[in-house]
Amino acid sequence: MEKARLAGAKFRPPAEIMLAMFSGDDVLPVTLKRETDNRHDRNAIAVWIAHDDLPPHVLRKLLANASTLPDPFQIGYVAATWAAEWVAALPFDGDGTLPADLMFEKSVAMIAV
């Protein structure tokens, strides 16, 4: 299993609220999506989560705090330190996606594939 830190959640308020509600034993399915057209980093890998993959109490809180919440919504990126290696090594689908898990290690959000 490969693991990388989730980055950029602080720039996405729904993600920041969501992440604060989880702890070390929680694992959530997410989707990784390559952003080959990202002008800042051609190896960028966005992390997305669907409403159906959130516990109901978490989704209710997010919807109460946001005027709109797309489904799925982006929670951040695979940290750049790992992204270039993952782009080269992992089997992304033809549309640039890959299923993964969001987990927590010592209060740090991690992506695992």
Foldseek 3Di string as FASTA:
>chain_A
DDKFFFPDLVVPVLLVLLLVPDDAVDKWKWKWAQDCVPPVDNLKIWIKDFPVRDDPVSSVVSVVVDVDQDGTHTRGTGPPVCRVVCVVPPDAPPRRMDMWMWGADPSTTMIGD
